[in-house]
């Protein structure tokens, strides 16, 4: 008799588990988990896919290669080129934590070229994308997508 109660309890627990794990879809889409904004999580290769709410013009590109160990970056772009020759800019970046805004990324350019024009609040960071919003101008929004390879980056042999 005790064995029957144990089996019934086990069956009830299994059905409850299945019912909870197979709950109804509430209509919301799956969202990629947010990552902590740190040098490890933002390191990698990125492509600017949207700027101020619109995709970049055809043939225009901006790629970032962010390095974790020494907190440096290399940016490849043709925004101010007449030919399809990438302009390469490099420098250092820093991540500061603001109590109200969260993670803020700022940087400078190598060769005494000064600081970035803006400091950016990192509004979102997932394994595949990140969103930067200028701290001094919320209409200045950059959306990046993670990529495997930067097509204009010189390849090492």
N, C-alpha and C. Protein backbone atom coordinates (compact mmCIF):
# COMPACT_ATOMS: atom_id res chain seq x y z
N UNK A 1 0.82 -1.18 0.00
CA UNK A 1 0.00 0.00 0.00
C UNK A 1 0.87 1.26 0.00
N UNK A 2 1.95 1.28 0.78
CA UNK A 2 2.84 2.44 0.79
C UNK A 2 3.52 2.62 -0.56
N UNK A 3 3.83 1.51 -1.22
CA UNK A 3 4.47 1.58 -2.52
C UNK A 3 3.55 2.25 -3.54
N UNK A 4 2.26 1.99 -3.44
CA UNK A 4 1.30 2.60 -4.37
C UNK A 4 1.27 4.11 -4.15
N UNK A 5 1.28 4.57 -2.89
CA UNK A 5 1.29 6.01 -2.61
C UNK A 5 2.56 6.67 -3.12
N UNK A 6 3.68 6.00 -2.97
CA UNK A 6 4.95 6.54 -3.46
C UNK A 6 4.92 6.68 -4.97
N UNK A 7 4.39 5.66 -5.66
CA UNK A 7 4.32 5.71 -7.12
C UNK A 7 3.37 6.81 -7.58
N UNK A 8 2.23 6.96 -6.87
CA UNK A 8 1.29 8.03 -7.22
C UNK A 8 1.93 9.40 -7.01
N UNK A 9 2.65 9.56 -5.91
CA UNK A 9 3.31 10.84 -5.63
C UNK A 9 4.37 11.14 -6.69
N UNK A 10 5.12 10.12 -7.08
CA UNK A 10 6.15 10.30 -8.10
C UNK A 10 5.52 10.66 -9.45
N UNK A 11 4.42 10.00 -9.80
CA UNK A 11 3.72 10.30 -11.05
C UNK A 11 3.16 11.72 -11.02
N UNK A 12 2.59 12.12 -9.89
CA UNK A 12 2.05 13.47 -9.76
C UNK A 12 3.16 14.50 -9.90
N UNK A 13 4.30 14.26 -9.27
CA UNK A 13 5.43 15.18 -9.36
C UNK A 13 5.94 15.29 -10.79
N UNK A 14 6.00 14.16 -11.49
CA UNK A 14 6.44 14.17 -12.88
C UNK A 14 5.48 14.95 -13.76
N UNK A 15 4.18 14.79 -13.55
CA UNK A 15 3.19 15.53 -14.35
C UNK A 15 3.26 17.03 -14.04
N UNK A 16 3.46 17.37 -12.78
CA UNK A 16 3.57 18.78 -12.41
C UNK A 16 4.80 19.41 -13.06
N UNK A 17 5.90 18.68 -13.05
CA UNK A 17 7.13 19.17 -13.68
C UNK A 17 6.92 19.40 -15.18
N UNK A 18 6.28 18.42 -15.85
CA UNK A 18 6.02 18.56 -17.28
C UNK A 18 5.08 19.73 -17.56
N UNK A 19 4.07 19.89 -16.73
CA UNK A 19 3.12 20.99 -16.93
C UNK A 19 3.82 22.34 -16.80
N UNK A 20 4.71 22.47 -15.83
CA UNK A 20 5.42 23.73 -15.64
C UNK A 20 6.43 23.98 -16.75
N UNK A 21 7.13 22.93 -17.17
CA UNK A 21 8.17 23.12 -18.18
C UNK A 21 7.58 23.29 -19.58
N UNK A 22 6.36 22.88 -19.80
CA UNK A 22 5.71 23.02 -21.10
C UNK A 22 4.59 24.04 -21.04
N UNK A 23 4.81 25.12 -20.32
CA UNK A 23 3.77 26.12 -20.16
C UNK A 23 3.46 26.78 -21.49
N UNK A 24 2.32 27.42 -21.58
CA UNK A 24 1.86 28.06 -22.80
C UNK A 24 2.81 29.18 -23.21
N UNK A 25 2.94 29.34 -24.49
CA UNK A 25 3.73 30.45 -25.03
C UNK A 25 2.92 31.72 -24.82
N UNK A 26 3.50 32.70 -24.17
CA UNK A 26 2.78 33.94 -23.89
C UNK A 26 2.86 34.94 -25.04
N UNK A 27 3.37 34.51 -26.18
CA UNK A 27 3.44 35.38 -27.35
C UNK A 27 4.72 36.18 -27.44
N UNK A 28 5.51 36.22 -26.38
CA UNK A 28 6.75 36.99 -26.44
C UNK A 28 7.84 36.15 -27.09
N UNK A 29 8.70 36.85 -27.83
CA UNK A 29 9.79 36.17 -28.50
C UNK A 29 10.95 35.95 -27.53
N UNK A 30 11.74 34.94 -27.83
CA UNK A 30 12.94 34.67 -27.03
C UNK A 30 13.90 35.82 -27.22
N UNK A 31 14.49 36.26 -26.13
CA UNK A 31 15.47 37.34 -26.20
C UNK A 31 16.82 36.82 -25.73
N UNK A 32 17.84 37.18 -26.47
CA UNK A 32 19.19 36.77 -26.13
C UNK A 32 19.58 37.41 -24.80
N UNK A 33 20.21 36.63 -23.91
CA UNK A 33 20.57 37.17 -22.59
C UNK A 33 21.57 38.33 -22.68
N UNK A 34 21.39 39.29 -21.81
CA UNK A 34 22.31 40.42 -21.72
C UNK A 34 23.59 39.97 -21.01
N UNK A 35 24.71 40.51 -21.45
CA UNK A 35 26.00 40.21 -20.85
C UNK A 35 26.48 41.41 -20.05
N UNK A 36 27.31 41.13 -19.07
CA UNK A 36 27.96 42.21 -18.32
C UNK A 36 28.90 42.95 -19.28
N UNK A 37 28.91 44.25 -19.20
CA UNK A 37 29.80 45.04 -20.06
C UNK A 37 31.17 45.07 -19.42
N UNK A 38 32.09 44.33 -20.00
CA UNK A 38 33.48 44.31 -19.55
C UNK A 38 34.36 44.02 -20.76
N UNK A 39 35.65 44.14 -20.57
CA UNK A 39 36.60 43.98 -21.68
C UNK A 39 36.50 42.59 -22.31
N UNK A 40 36.24 41.58 -21.51
CA UNK A 40 36.13 40.23 -22.04
C UNK A 40 34.91 40.09 -22.95
N UNK A 41 33.77 40.60 -22.53
CA UNK A 41 32.54 40.40 -23.28
C UNK A 41 32.41 41.27 -24.52
N UNK A 42 33.08 42.42 -24.56
CA UNK A 42 32.99 43.24 -25.78
C UNK A 42 34.13 42.95 -26.75
N UNK A 43 35.12 42.18 -26.32
CA UNK A 43 36.23 41.90 -27.23
C UNK A 43 35.72 41.07 -28.41
N UNK A 44 36.35 41.28 -29.54
CA UNK A 44 35.97 40.55 -30.74
C UNK A 44 35.79 41.48 -31.92
N UNK A 45 35.22 40.93 -32.97
CA UNK A 45 35.05 41.66 -34.23
C UNK A 45 33.59 42.04 -34.39
N UNK A 46 33.37 43.29 -34.75
CA UNK A 46 32.03 43.86 -34.84
C UNK A 46 31.87 44.64 -36.13
N UNK A 47 30.64 44.66 -36.62
CA UNK A 47 30.28 45.46 -37.78
C UNK A 47 29.18 46.44 -37.39
N UNK A 48 29.34 47.69 -37.76
CA UNK A 48 28.29 48.67 -37.53
C UNK A 48 27.17 48.37 -38.52
N UNK A 49 26.00 47.96 -38.01
CA UNK A 49 24.90 47.56 -38.89
C UNK A 49 23.79 48.62 -38.95
N UNK A 50 23.78 49.51 -37.97
CA UNK A 50 22.75 50.56 -37.96
C UNK A 50 23.32 51.80 -37.29
N UNK A 51 23.01 52.93 -37.89
CA UNK A 51 23.51 54.20 -37.36
C UNK A 51 22.34 55.17 -37.33
N UNK A 52 21.98 55.61 -36.14
CA UNK A 52 20.87 56.54 -35.94
C UNK A 52 19.57 56.04 -36.55
N UNK A 53 19.31 54.76 -36.38
CA UNK A 53 18.04 54.18 -36.81
C UNK A 53 17.98 53.72 -38.25
N UNK A 54 19.07 53.78 -38.98
CA UNK A 54 19.07 53.36 -40.38
C UNK A 54 20.32 52.55 -40.69
N UNK A 55 20.22 51.64 -41.65
CA UNK A 55 21.43 50.91 -42.06
C UNK A 55 22.39 51.86 -42.75
N UNK A 56 23.65 51.46 -42.81
CA UNK A 56 24.65 52.26 -43.51
C UNK A 56 24.34 52.25 -45.01
N UNK A 57 24.76 53.30 -45.70
CA UNK A 57 24.56 53.38 -47.15
C UNK A 57 25.29 52.23 -47.84
N UNK A 58 24.76 51.80 -48.95
CA UNK A 58 25.39 50.71 -49.71
C UNK A 58 26.85 51.01 -49.98
N UNK A 59 27.69 50.03 -49.74
CA UNK A 59 29.12 50.17 -49.98
C UNK A 59 29.89 50.81 -48.84
N UNK A 60 29.19 51.32 -47.83
CA UNK A 60 29.83 51.95 -46.69
C UNK A 60 29.98 50.92 -45.58
N UNK A 61 31.10 50.98 -44.87
CA UNK A 61 31.29 50.03 -43.77
C UNK A 61 32.10 50.65 -42.64
N UNK A 62 31.86 50.08 -41.46
CA UNK A 62 32.65 50.37 -40.27
C UNK A 62 32.80 49.05 -39.53
N UNK A 63 34.03 48.64 -39.29
CA UNK A 63 34.31 47.42 -38.54
C UNK A 63 35.17 47.77 -37.34
N UNK A 64 34.91 47.11 -36.24
CA UNK A 64 35.72 47.28 -35.03
C UNK A 64 36.32 45.95 -34.64
N UNK A 65 37.59 45.96 -34.31
CA UNK A 65 38.23 44.80 -33.71
C UNK A 65 38.65 45.25 -32.32
N UNK A 66 37.96 44.75 -31.30
CA UNK A 66 38.21 45.17 -29.93
C UNK A 66 39.03 44.09 -29.23
N UNK A 67 40.16 44.51 -28.67
CA UNK A 67 41.08 43.59 -28.02
C UNK A 67 40.94 43.67 -26.51
N UNK A 68 40.83 42.54 -25.89
CA UNK A 68 40.58 42.45 -24.45
C UNK A 68 41.83 42.74 -23.63
N UNK A 69 42.94 42.10 -23.95
CA UNK A 69 44.11 42.10 -23.06
C UNK A 69 44.67 43.48 -22.77
N UNK A 70 44.85 44.28 -23.81
CA UNK A 70 45.45 45.60 -23.57
C UNK A 70 44.44 46.73 -23.74
N UNK A 71 43.17 46.37 -23.87
CA UNK A 71 42.07 47.34 -24.02
C UNK A 71 42.35 48.35 -25.15
N UNK A 72 42.63 47.79 -26.31
CA UNK A 72 42.84 48.59 -27.51
C UNK A 72 41.82 48.17 -28.56
N UNK A 73 41.78 48.92 -29.64
CA UNK A 73 40.87 48.60 -30.73
C UNK A 73 41.51 49.03 -32.04
N UNK A 74 41.00 48.46 -33.12
CA UNK A 74 41.32 48.90 -34.47
C UNK A 74 39.99 49.05 -35.19
N UNK A 75 39.80 50.19 -35.84
CA UNK A 75 38.58 50.45 -36.58
C UNK A 75 38.93 50.60 -38.06
N UNK A 76 38.19 49.88 -38.89
CA UNK A 76 38.36 49.93 -40.34
C UNK A 76 37.08 50.54 -40.91
N UNK A 77 37.22 51.63 -41.68
CA UNK A 77 36.02 52.23 -42.25
C UNK A 77 36.35 52.91 -43.57
N UNK A 78 35.30 53.14 -44.34
CA UNK A 78 35.46 53.90 -45.58
C UNK A 78 34.48 55.08 -45.61
N UNK A 79 34.16 55.60 -44.45
CA UNK A 79 33.20 56.70 -44.34
C UNK A 79 33.72 57.98 -45.00
N UNK A 80 35.02 58.20 -44.99
CA UNK A 80 35.56 59.42 -45.58
C UNK A 80 36.55 59.11 -46.70
N UNK A 81 36.39 57.94 -47.31
CA UNK A 81 37.27 57.55 -48.41
C UNK A 81 36.54 57.71 -49.74
N UNK A 82 37.27 58.12 -50.74
CA UNK A 82 36.69 58.20 -52.08
C UNK A 82 36.76 56.85 -52.77
N UNK A 83 37.75 56.07 -52.43
CA UNK A 83 37.90 54.73 -52.99
C UNK A 83 37.48 53.73 -51.92
N UNK A 84 37.45 52.50 -52.30
CA UNK A 84 37.08 51.47 -51.34
C UNK A 84 38.31 51.00 -50.56
N UNK A 85 39.11 51.96 -50.15
CA UNK A 85 40.30 51.68 -49.37
C UNK A 85 39.98 51.96 -47.91
N UNK A 86 40.16 50.97 -47.05
CA UNK A 86 39.80 51.22 -45.65
C UNK A 86 40.74 52.19 -44.97
N UNK A 87 40.15 53.05 -44.19
CA UNK A 87 40.89 53.95 -43.32
C UNK A 87 41.00 53.22 -41.98
N UNK A 88 42.20 53.07 -41.46
CA UNK A 88 42.40 52.32 -40.21
C UNK A 88 42.72 53.30 -39.09
N UNK A 89 41.96 53.20 -38.02
CA UNK A 89 42.14 54.03 -36.84
C UNK A 89 42.31 53.09 -35.66
N UNK A 90 43.22 53.42 -34.77
CA UNK A 90 43.42 52.57 -33.59
C UNK A 90 43.55 53.44 -32.36
N UNK A 91 43.47 52.80 -31.22
CA UNK A 91 43.60 53.52 -29.97
C UNK A 91 43.25 52.64 -28.79
N UNK A 92 42.95 53.28 -27.69
CA UNK A 92 42.61 52.58 -26.45
C UNK A 92 41.19 52.92 -26.04
N UNK A 93 40.57 52.03 -25.29
CA UNK A 93 39.23 52.29 -24.79
C UNK A 93 39.19 52.01 -23.29
N UNK A 94 38.18 52.58 -22.65
CA UNK A 94 38.01 52.43 -21.20
C UNK A 94 36.52 52.23 -20.93
N UNK A 95 36.22 51.41 -19.96
CA UNK A 95 34.83 51.19 -19.56
C UNK A 95 34.68 51.70 -18.13
N UNK A 96 33.79 52.67 -17.96
CA UNK A 96 33.50 53.23 -16.64
C UNK A 96 32.08 52.84 -16.25
N UNK A 97 31.85 52.65 -14.96
CA UNK A 97 30.50 52.36 -14.48
C UNK A 97 29.91 53.63 -13.88
N UNK A 98 28.77 54.03 -14.40
CA UNK A 98 28.02 55.18 -13.91
C UNK A 98 26.83 54.64 -13.13
N UNK A 99 26.61 55.14 -11.94
CA UNK A 99 25.55 54.64 -11.07
C UNK A 99 24.19 54.73 -11.75
N UNK A 100 23.93 55.81 -12.45
CA UNK A 100 22.63 56.00 -13.08
C UNK A 100 22.54 55.40 -14.48
N UNK A 101 23.61 55.50 -15.26
CA UNK A 101 23.55 55.10 -16.67
C UNK A 101 24.03 53.68 -16.93
N UNK A 102 24.82 53.13 -16.05
CA UNK A 102 25.41 51.81 -16.29
C UNK A 102 26.79 51.97 -16.92
N UNK A 103 27.13 51.03 -17.80
CA UNK A 103 28.46 51.03 -18.42
C UNK A 103 28.58 52.13 -19.47
N UNK A 104 29.67 52.88 -19.38
CA UNK A 104 29.97 53.95 -20.34
C UNK A 104 31.34 53.64 -20.94
N UNK A 105 31.40 53.60 -22.27
CA UNK A 105 32.67 53.34 -22.95
C UNK A 105 33.17 54.64 -23.55
N UNK A 106 34.46 54.87 -23.39
CA UNK A 106 35.10 56.06 -23.94
C UNK A 106 36.45 55.62 -24.48
N UNK A 107 37.07 56.46 -25.28
CA UNK A 107 38.35 56.06 -25.83
C UNK A 107 39.13 57.22 -26.39
N UNK A 108 40.31 56.86 -26.88
CA UNK A 108 41.16 57.85 -27.53
C UNK A 108 41.80 57.22 -28.74
N UNK A 109 42.37 58.07 -29.57
CA UNK A 109 43.02 57.63 -30.80
C UNK A 109 44.53 57.64 -30.60
N UNK A 110 45.20 56.71 -31.25
CA UNK A 110 46.66 56.70 -31.22
C UNK A 110 47.22 57.94 -31.93
N UNK A 111 48.49 58.15 -31.77
CA UNK A 111 49.24 59.22 -32.44
C UNK A 111 48.75 60.62 -32.03
N UNK A 112 48.41 60.76 -30.76
CA UNK A 112 48.00 62.05 -30.20
C UNK A 112 46.85 62.70 -30.96
N UNK A 113 45.93 61.89 -31.44
CA UNK A 113 44.79 62.43 -32.19
C UNK A 113 43.61 62.78 -31.31
N UNK A 114 43.74 62.59 -30.00
CA UNK A 114 42.70 63.02 -29.08
C UNK A 114 41.70 61.96 -28.70
N UNK A 115 40.67 62.41 -27.99
CA UNK A 115 39.63 61.53 -27.49
C UNK A 115 38.51 61.36 -28.51
N UNK A 116 37.71 60.30 -28.31
CA UNK A 116 36.52 60.11 -29.13
C UNK A 116 35.62 61.34 -28.99
N UNK A 117 34.82 61.60 -29.98
CA UNK A 117 33.90 62.75 -29.95
C UNK A 117 32.82 62.57 -28.89
N UNK A 118 32.47 61.33 -28.57
CA UNK A 118 31.42 61.05 -27.59
C UNK A 118 31.88 59.98 -26.61
N UNK A 119 31.22 59.95 -25.48
CA UNK A 119 31.24 58.82 -24.57
C UNK A 119 29.92 58.11 -24.81
N UNK A 120 29.94 56.78 -24.78
CA UNK A 120 28.75 56.02 -25.15
C UNK A 120 28.25 55.17 -23.99
N UNK A 121 26.95 55.24 -23.74
CA UNK A 121 26.31 54.35 -22.79
C UNK A 121 26.05 53.06 -23.55
N UNK A 122 26.51 51.93 -23.01
CA UNK A 122 26.28 50.64 -23.64
C UNK A 122 24.89 50.19 -23.18
N UNK A 123 23.89 50.41 -24.04
CA UNK A 123 22.50 50.14 -23.69
C UNK A 123 22.17 48.65 -23.72
N UNK A 124 22.90 47.91 -24.55
CA UNK A 124 22.64 46.48 -24.69
C UNK A 124 23.92 45.80 -25.13
N UNK A 125 24.18 44.63 -24.55
CA UNK A 125 25.30 43.80 -24.98
C UNK A 125 24.88 42.35 -24.86
N UNK A 126 24.84 41.66 -25.99
CA UNK A 126 24.57 40.23 -26.01
C UNK A 126 25.74 39.57 -26.73
N UNK A 127 25.70 38.27 -26.85
CA UNK A 127 26.78 37.57 -27.54
C UNK A 127 26.86 37.97 -29.01
N UNK A 128 25.75 38.44 -29.60
CA UNK A 128 25.75 38.74 -31.02
C UNK A 128 25.56 40.21 -31.38
N UNK A 129 25.24 41.07 -30.41
CA UNK A 129 25.03 42.47 -30.76
C UNK A 129 25.31 43.38 -29.57
N UNK A 130 25.53 44.65 -29.89
CA UNK A 130 25.65 45.66 -28.84
C UNK A 130 25.14 46.99 -29.37
N UNK A 131 24.63 47.80 -28.45
CA UNK A 131 24.06 49.10 -28.80
C UNK A 131 24.74 50.17 -27.97
N UNK A 132 25.27 51.18 -28.65
CA UNK A 132 25.90 52.31 -27.99
C UNK A 132 25.05 53.56 -28.26
N UNK A 133 24.82 54.34 -27.22
CA UNK A 133 24.09 55.60 -27.34
C UNK A 133 24.98 56.70 -26.77
N UNK A 134 25.19 57.76 -27.54
CA UNK A 134 26.04 58.86 -27.08
C UNK A 134 25.48 59.44 -25.80
N UNK A 135 26.33 59.60 -24.82
CA UNK A 135 25.92 60.11 -23.51
C UNK A 135 25.38 61.53 -23.61
N UNK A 136 25.93 62.32 -24.53
CA UNK A 136 25.53 63.71 -24.66
C UNK A 136 24.49 63.96 -25.76
N UNK A 137 24.08 62.89 -26.47
CA UNK A 137 23.09 63.03 -27.53
C UNK A 137 22.41 61.69 -27.76
N UNK A 138 21.26 61.48 -27.12
CA UNK A 138 20.58 60.19 -27.17
C UNK A 138 20.08 59.83 -28.57
N UNK A 139 20.10 60.77 -29.50
CA UNK A 139 19.69 60.44 -30.87
C UNK A 139 20.84 59.81 -31.66
N UNK A 140 22.04 59.85 -31.12
CA UNK A 140 23.21 59.28 -31.78
C UNK A 140 23.37 57.83 -31.29
N UNK A 141 22.83 56.89 -32.08
CA UNK A 141 22.76 55.48 -31.69
C UNK A 141 23.52 54.63 -32.70
N UNK A 142 24.35 53.73 -32.20
CA UNK A 142 25.09 52.82 -33.06
C UNK A 142 24.76 51.39 -32.64
N UNK A 143 24.39 50.56 -33.62
CA UNK A 143 24.09 49.15 -33.37
C UNK A 143 25.15 48.32 -34.09
N UNK A 144 25.80 47.45 -33.35
CA UNK A 144 26.85 46.60 -33.89
C UNK A 144 26.40 45.15 -33.86
N UNK A 145 26.83 44.40 -34.86
CA UNK A 145 26.62 42.95 -34.88
C UNK A 145 27.97 42.26 -34.85
N UNK A 146 28.05 41.17 -34.08
CA UNK A 146 29.32 40.43 -34.00
C UNK A 146 29.51 39.65 -35.30
N UNK A 147 30.74 39.64 -35.79
CA UNK A 147 31.09 38.93 -37.02
C UNK A 147 32.30 38.04 -36.76
N UNK A 148 32.48 37.08 -37.63
CA UNK A 148 33.60 36.14 -37.50
C UNK A 148 34.90 36.74 -38.02
N UNK A 149 34.80 37.50 -39.10
CA UNK A 149 36.01 38.02 -39.75
C UNK A 149 35.73 39.41 -40.30
N UNK A 150 36.71 40.27 -40.21
CA UNK A 150 36.60 41.61 -40.81
C UNK A 150 37.12 41.50 -42.23
N UNK A 151 36.27 41.71 -43.22
CA UNK A 151 36.68 41.45 -44.60
C UNK A 151 37.80 42.32 -45.13
N UNK A 152 38.00 43.51 -44.57
CA UNK A 152 39.05 44.41 -45.07
C UNK A 152 40.30 44.40 -44.19
N UNK A 153 40.31 43.55 -43.18
CA UNK A 153 41.46 43.48 -42.27
C UNK A 153 42.57 42.65 -42.91
N UNK A 154 43.80 43.12 -42.88
CA UNK A 154 44.90 42.33 -43.42
C UNK A 154 44.99 40.97 -42.71
N UNK A 155 45.18 39.93 -43.49
CA UNK A 155 45.26 38.58 -42.93
C UNK A 155 46.70 38.24 -42.58
N UNK A 156 46.87 37.62 -41.41
CA UNK A 156 48.20 37.17 -41.01
C UNK A 156 48.49 35.84 -41.69
N UNK A 157 49.74 35.65 -42.10
CA UNK A 157 50.14 34.39 -42.74
C UNK A 157 50.62 33.40 -41.75
